[in-house]
């Protein structure tokens, strides 16, 4: 999906920009009260975690870019610095990040369960059904927004997981019978 690809690419640009320059990273940490990127609960959801972290620190990033620390740095005058500044200050770009977080968060919760130590097969079928519904709710039931994501989930689900065994695991899971 083009919006997903371009937004993730721009977020990587922002992240790499800060982490490639120690002085700039120091300024970021001063305003963001920590790092932009945090380690994930699951290795499969790193893009989601990075998007969520960036979106969660958007106000602090805007404050940093409005500060004298930024204005006085040599990075503010460089083309990449100007590009990152424009991205962080662009509310439409930040709205795209929020959209992607709403796409990925329910799926990241499914991945967290699958990546855990407890058996997950009985829950997987139900978790994916629930994740799809949560995505629709987060996107105000606007099919134009959630439809492409549902299509990808269904295509992968049909090919790999929509088996009789997964359905049986779901229907016979004792915790779900309560």
C-alpha atoms as a PDB file:
ATOM      1  CA  UNK A   1       0.000   0.000   0.000  1.00  0.00           C
ATOM      2  CA  UNK A   2       1.697   3.241  -1.137  1.00  0.00           C
ATOM      3  CA  UNK A   3       0.721   5.324   1.910  1.00  0.00           C
ATOM      4  CA  UNK A   4       2.182   2.680   4.225  1.00  0.00           C
ATOM      5  CA  UNK A   5       5.404   2.362   2.253  1.00  0.00           C
ATOM      6  CA  UNK A   6       6.045   6.100   1.911  1.00  0.00           C
ATOM      7  CA  UNK A   7       5.180   6.870   5.542  1.00  0.00           C
ATOM      8  CA  UNK A   8       7.466   4.143   6.871  1.00  0.00           C
ATOM      9  CA  UNK A   9      10.265   5.351   4.578  1.00  0.00           C
ATOM     10  CA  UNK A  10       9.883   8.929   5.852  1.00  0.00           C
ATOM     11  CA  UNK A  11       9.839   7.735   9.468  1.00  0.00           C
ATOM     12  CA  UNK A  12      13.050   5.790   8.846  1.00  0.00           C
ATOM     13  CA  UNK A  13      14.596   8.970   7.433  1.00  0.00           C
ATOM     14  CA  UNK A  14      13.699  10.850  10.610  1.00  0.00           C
ATOM     15  CA  UNK A  15      15.004   8.091  12.865  1.00  0.00           C
ATOM     16  CA  UNK A  16      18.270   7.655  10.967  1.00  0.00           C
ATOM     17  CA  UNK A  17      18.797  11.416  10.859  1.00  0.00           C
ATOM     18  CA  UNK A  18      18.808  11.639  14.641  1.00  0.00           C
ATOM     19  CA  UNK A  19      20.710   8.448  15.345  1.00  0.00           C
ATOM     20  CA  UNK A  20      23.482   9.219  12.841  1.00  0.00           C
ATOM     21  CA  UNK A  21      24.536  12.398  14.695  1.00  0.00           C
ATOM     22  CA  UNK A  22      25.427  12.237  18.375  1.00  0.00           C
ATOM     23  CA  UNK A  23      25.007  15.972  19.032  1.00  0.00           C
ATOM     24  CA  UNK A  24      21.612  15.941  17.400  1.00  0.00           C
ATOM     25  CA  UNK A  25      20.629  12.836  19.344  1.00  0.00           C
ATOM     26  CA  UNK A  26      21.583  14.664  22.530  1.00  0.00           C
ATOM     27  CA  UNK A  27      19.261  17.564  21.608  1.00  0.00           C
ATOM     28  CA  UNK A  28      16.473  15.084  20.799  1.00  0.00           C
ATOM     29  CA  UNK A  29      16.880  13.321  24.137  1.00  0.00           C
ATOM     30  CA  UNK A  30      16.768  16.651  25.965  1.00  0.00           C
ATOM     31  CA  UNK A  31      13.353  17.521  24.488  1.00  0.00           C
ATOM     32  CA  UNK A  32      11.847  14.048  24.111  1.00  0.00           C
ATOM     33  CA  UNK A  33      12.975  12.956  27.594  1.00  0.00           C
ATOM     34  CA  UNK A  34      14.359   9.747  26.118  1.00  0.00           C
ATOM     35  CA  UNK A  35      14.917   7.978  22.869  1.00  0.00           C
ATOM     36  CA  UNK A  36      12.748   8.143  19.806  1.00  0.00           C
ATOM     37  CA  UNK A  37      13.006   4.442  19.127  1.00  0.00           C
ATOM     38  CA  UNK A  38      12.345   1.922  21.832  1.00  0.00           C
ATOM     39  CA  UNK A  39      12.874  -1.778  21.757  1.00  0.00           C
ATOM     40  CA  UNK A  40       9.830  -3.776  20.895  1.00  0.00           C
ATOM     41  CA  UNK A  41       7.826  -6.366  22.741  1.00  0.00           C
ATOM     42  CA  UNK A  42       8.046  -8.468  19.597  1.00  0.00           C
ATOM     43  CA  UNK A  43      10.669  -8.451  16.884  1.00  0.00           C
ATOM     44  CA  UNK A  44       7.991  -8.736  14.191  1.00  0.00           C
ATOM     45  CA  UNK A  45       6.447  -5.345  14.893  1.00  0.00           C
ATOM     46  CA  UNK A  46       9.424  -2.991  14.742  1.00  0.00           C
ATOM     47  CA  UNK A  47       7.885  -0.644  12.149  1.00  0.00           C
ATOM     48  CA  UNK A  48       4.723  -0.324  14.211  1.00  0.00           C
ATOM     49  CA  UNK A  49       6.689   0.347  17.393  1.00  0.00           C
ATOM     50  CA  UNK A  50       8.809   2.970  15.672  1.00  0.00           C
ATOM     51  CA  UNK A  51       5.725   4.676  14.211  1.00  0.00           C
ATOM     52  CA  UNK A  52       3.982   4.669  17.577  1.00  0.00           C
ATOM     53  CA  UNK A  53       7.053   6.084  19.317  1.00  0.00           C
ATOM     54  CA  UNK A  54       7.457   8.841  16.735  1.00  0.00           C
ATOM     55  CA  UNK A  55       3.763   9.740  16.915  1.00  0.00           C
ATOM     56  CA  UNK A  56       3.826   9.686  20.715  1.00  0.00           C
ATOM     57  CA  UNK A  57       6.701  12.180  20.795  1.00  0.00           C
ATOM     58  CA  UNK A  58       5.401  14.484  18.060  1.00  0.00           C
ATOM     59  CA  UNK A  59       4.831  17.430  20.427  1.00  0.00           C
ATOM     60  CA  UNK A  60       8.304  17.136  21.918  1.00  0.00           C
ATOM     61  CA  UNK A  61       9.819  16.919  18.419  1.00  0.00           C
ATOM     62  CA  UNK A  62       7.967  20.061  17.352  1.00  0.00           C
ATOM     63  CA  UNK A  63       9.239  21.835  20.471  1.00  0.00           C
ATOM     64  CA  UNK A  64      12.761  20.715  19.676  1.00  0.00           C
ATOM     65  CA  UNK A  65      12.517  22.032  16.108  1.00  0.00           C
ATOM     66  CA  UNK A  66      11.183  25.356  17.414  1.00  0.00           C
ATOM     67  CA  UNK A  67      14.043  25.680  19.914  1.00  0.00           C
ATOM     68  CA  UNK A  68      17.235  27.718  19.815  1.00  0.00           C
ATOM     69  CA  UNK A  69      19.139  24.435  20.172  1.00  0.00           C
ATOM     70  CA  UNK A  70      17.877  23.388  16.749  1.00  0.00           C
ATOM     71  CA  UNK A  71      18.110  26.813  15.125  1.00  0.00           C
ATOM     72  CA  UNK A  72      21.716  27.193  16.288  1.00  0.00           C
ATOM     73  CA  UNK A  73      22.812  23.784  15.047  1.00  0.00           C
ATOM     74  CA  UNK A  74      24.471  23.230  11.689  1.00  0.00           C
ATOM     75  CA  UNK A  75      21.918  20.496  10.963  1.00  0.00           C
ATOM     76  CA  UNK A  76      19.124  23.072  10.629  1.00  0.00           C
ATOM     77  CA  UNK A  77      20.756  24.454   7.487  1.00  0.00           C
ATOM     78  CA  UNK A  78      21.479  21.132   5.752  1.00  0.00           C
ATOM     79  CA  UNK A  79      19.057  19.719   3.142  1.00  0.00           C
ATOM     80  CA  UNK A  80      18.312  16.584   5.164  1.00  0.00           C
ATOM     81  CA  UNK A  81      17.747  18.677   8.297  1.00  0.00           C
ATOM     82  CA  UNK A  82      15.285  20.855   6.396  1.00  0.00           C
ATOM     83  CA  UNK A  83      13.514  17.770   5.052  1.00  0.00           C
ATOM     84  CA  UNK A  84      13.180  16.188   8.501  1.00  0.00           C
ATOM     85  CA  UNK A  85      11.988  19.532   9.906  1.00  0.00           C
ATOM     86  CA  UNK A  86       9.262  19.727   7.236  1.00  0.00           C
ATOM     87  CA  UNK A  87       8.140  16.161   7.925  1.00  0.00           C
ATOM     88  CA  UNK A  88       7.881  16.626  11.689  1.00  0.00           C
ATOM     89  CA  UNK A  89       6.037  19.930  11.341  1.00  0.00           C
ATOM     90  CA  UNK A  90       3.606  18.558   8.717  1.00  0.00           C
ATOM     91  CA  UNK A  91       0.306  17.669  10.399  1.00  0.00           C
ATOM     92  CA  UNK A  92      -0.812  15.658   7.346  1.00  0.00           C
ATOM     93  CA  UNK A  93       2.280  13.477   7.672  1.00  0.00           C
ATOM     94  CA  UNK A  94       1.597  13.013  11.385  1.00  0.00           C
ATOM     95  CA  UNK A  95      -2.003  12.040  10.552  1.00  0.00           C
ATOM     96  CA  UNK A  96      -0.630   9.352   8.210  1.00  0.00           C
ATOM     97  CA  UNK A  97       1.511   8.002  11.042  1.00  0.00           C
ATOM     98  CA  UNK A  98      -1.570   7.867  13.269  1.00  0.00           C
ATOM     99  CA  UNK A  99      -3.484   6.036  10.528  1.00  0.00           C
ATOM    100  CA  UNK A 100      -0.727   3.436  10.295  1.00  0.00           C
ATOM    101  CA  UNK A 101      -0.631   3.001  14.062  1.00  0.00           C
ATOM    102  CA  UNK A 102      -4.371   2.299  13.895  1.00  0.00           C
ATOM    103  CA  UNK A 103      -3.734  -0.262  11.149  1.00  0.00           C
ATOM    104  CA  UNK A 104      -0.909  -2.020  12.932  1.00  0.00           C
ATOM    105  CA  UNK A 105      -1.710  -1.907  16.646  1.00  0.00           C
ATOM    106  CA  UNK A 106      -4.403  -4.622  16.613  1.00  0.00           C
ATOM    107  CA  UNK A 107      -2.152  -6.817  14.457  1.00  0.00           C
ATOM    108  CA  UNK A 108       0.820  -6.197  16.762  1.00  0.00           C
ATOM    109  CA  UNK A 109      -1.303  -7.482  19.643  1.00  0.00           C
ATOM    110  CA  UNK A 110      -1.929 -10.705  17.690  1.00  0.00           C
ATOM    111  CA  UNK A 111       1.794 -11.020  16.951  1.00  0.00           C
ATOM    112  CA  UNK A 112       2.610 -10.473  20.625  1.00  0.00           C
ATOM    113  CA  UNK A 113       0.468 -13.468  21.558  1.00  0.00           C
ATOM    114  CA  UNK A 114       1.947 -15.649  18.805  1.00  0.00           C
ATOM    115  CA  UNK A 115       5.490 -14.646  19.768  1.00  0.00           C
ATOM    116  CA  UNK A 116       4.852 -15.479  23.435  1.00  0.00           C
ATOM    117  CA  UNK A 117       5.694 -18.617  25.342  1.00  0.00           C
ATOM    118  CA  UNK A 118       2.141 -19.907  25.745  1.00  0.00           C
ATOM    119  CA  UNK A 119       0.350 -21.914  23.040  1.00  0.00           C
ATOM    120  CA  UNK A 120      -1.579 -19.515  20.832  1.00  0.00           C
ATOM    121  CA  UNK A 121      -3.248 -21.602  18.129  1.00  0.00           C
ATOM    122  CA  UNK A 122      -6.611 -21.759  19.902  1.00  0.00           C
ATOM    123  CA  UNK A 123      -6.664 -17.993  20.196  1.00  0.00           C
ATOM    124  CA  UNK A 124      -5.221 -17.047  16.800  1.00  0.00           C
ATOM    125  CA  UNK A 125      -8.413 -17.417  14.767  1.00  0.00           C
ATOM    126  CA  UNK A 126     -10.411 -15.321  17.248  1.00  0.00           C
ATOM    127  CA  UNK A 127      -7.603 -12.794  17.701  1.00  0.00           C
ATOM    128  CA  UNK A 128      -7.470 -12.127  13.958  1.00  0.00           C
ATOM    129  CA  UNK A 129     -11.250 -11.724  13.794  1.00  0.00           C
ATOM    130  CA  UNK A 130     -11.050  -9.296  16.708  1.00  0.00           C
ATOM    131  CA  UNK A 131      -8.089  -7.420  15.163  1.00  0.00           C
ATOM    132  CA  UNK A 132     -10.003  -6.890  11.925  1.00  0.00           C
ATOM    133  CA  UNK A 133     -12.999  -5.539  13.828  1.00  0.00           C
ATOM    134  CA  UNK A 134     -10.794  -3.263  15.933  1.00  0.00           C
ATOM    135  CA  UNK A 135      -9.145  -1.849  12.807  1.00  0.00           C
ATOM    136  CA  UNK A 136     -12.593  -1.057  11.381  1.00  0.00           C
ATOM    137  CA  UNK A 137     -13.657   0.626  14.640  1.00  0.00           C
ATOM    138  CA  UNK A 138     -10.438   2.688  14.822  1.00  0.00           C
ATOM    139  CA  UNK A 139     -11.072   3.878  11.263  1.00  0.00           C
ATOM    140  CA  UNK A 140     -14.717   4.795  12.009  1.00  0.00           C
ATOM    141  CA  UNK A 141     -16.054   1.913   9.905  1.00  0.00           C
ATOM    142  CA  UNK A 142     -14.962   3.702   6.711  1.00  0.00           C
ATOM    143  CA  UNK A 143     -14.395   0.745   4.379  1.00  0.00           C
ATOM    144  CA  UNK A 144     -12.274   2.846   2.023  1.00  0.00           C
ATOM    145  CA  UNK A 145      -9.731   3.175   4.854  1.00  0.00           C
ATOM    146  CA  UNK A 146      -9.758  -0.318   6.332  1.00  0.00           C
ATOM    147  CA  UNK A 147     -10.641  -2.315   3.199  1.00  0.00           C
ATOM    148  CA  UNK A 148      -7.110  -2.607   1.768  1.00  0.00           C
ATOM    149  CA  UNK A 149      -5.761  -3.831   5.126  1.00  0.00           C
ATOM    150  CA  UNK A 150      -8.573  -6.366   5.485  1.00  0.00           C
ATOM    151  CA  UNK A 151      -7.806  -7.651   1.982  1.00  0.00           C
ATOM    152  CA  UNK A 152      -4.162  -8.253   2.909  1.00  0.00           C
ATOM    153  CA  UNK A 153      -5.135  -9.950   6.175  1.00  0.00           C
ATOM    154  CA  UNK A 154      -7.689 -12.144   4.395  1.00  0.00           C
ATOM    155  CA  UNK A 155      -5.305 -13.073   1.587  1.00  0.00           C
ATOM    156  CA  UNK A 156      -2.636 -14.190   4.064  1.00  0.00           C
ATOM    157  CA  UNK A 157      -5.166 -15.729   6.407  1.00  0.00           C
ATOM    158  CA  UNK A 158      -6.804 -17.759   3.626  1.00  0.00           C
ATOM    159  CA  UNK A 159      -3.438 -19.049   2.406  1.00  0.00           C
ATOM    160  CA  UNK A 160      -1.925 -19.973   5.740  1.00  0.00           C
ATOM    161  CA  UNK A 161      -4.290 -20.008   8.684  1.00  0.00           C
ATOM    162  CA  UNK A 162      -7.923 -20.452   7.758  1.00  0.00           C
ATOM    163  CA  UNK A 163      -7.785 -24.189   8.194  1.00  0.00           C
ATOM    164  CA  UNK A 164     -10.097 -26.594   9.922  1.00  0.00           C
ATOM    165  CA  UNK A 165      -7.423 -27.122  12.542  1.00  0.00           C
ATOM    166  CA  UNK A 166      -7.269 -23.394  13.426  1.00  0.00           C
ATOM    167  CA  UNK A 167     -11.073 -23.168  13.565  1.00  0.00           C
ATOM    168  CA  UNK A 168     -11.245 -26.234  15.807  1.00  0.00           C
ATOM    169  CA  UNK A 169      -8.551 -24.800  18.069  1.00  0.00           C
ATOM    170  CA  UNK A 170     -10.590 -21.613  18.372  1.00  0.00           C
ATOM    171  CA  UNK A 171     -13.939 -23.295  19.019  1.00  0.00           C
ATOM    172  CA  UNK A 172     -12.549 -25.796  21.522  1.00  0.00           C
ATOM    173  CA  UNK A 173     -10.326 -23.337  23.445  1.00  0.00           C
ATOM    174  CA  UNK A 174     -11.532 -23.722  27.070  1.00  0.00           C
ATOM    175  CA  UNK A 175     -10.873 -20.067  27.947  1.00  0.00           C
ATOM    176  CA  UNK A 176     -13.169 -18.934  25.143  1.00  0.00           C
ATOM    177  CA  UNK A 177     -16.045 -21.113  26.332  1.00  0.00           C
ATOM    178  CA  UNK A 178     -16.497 -19.168  29.563  1.00  0.00           C
END
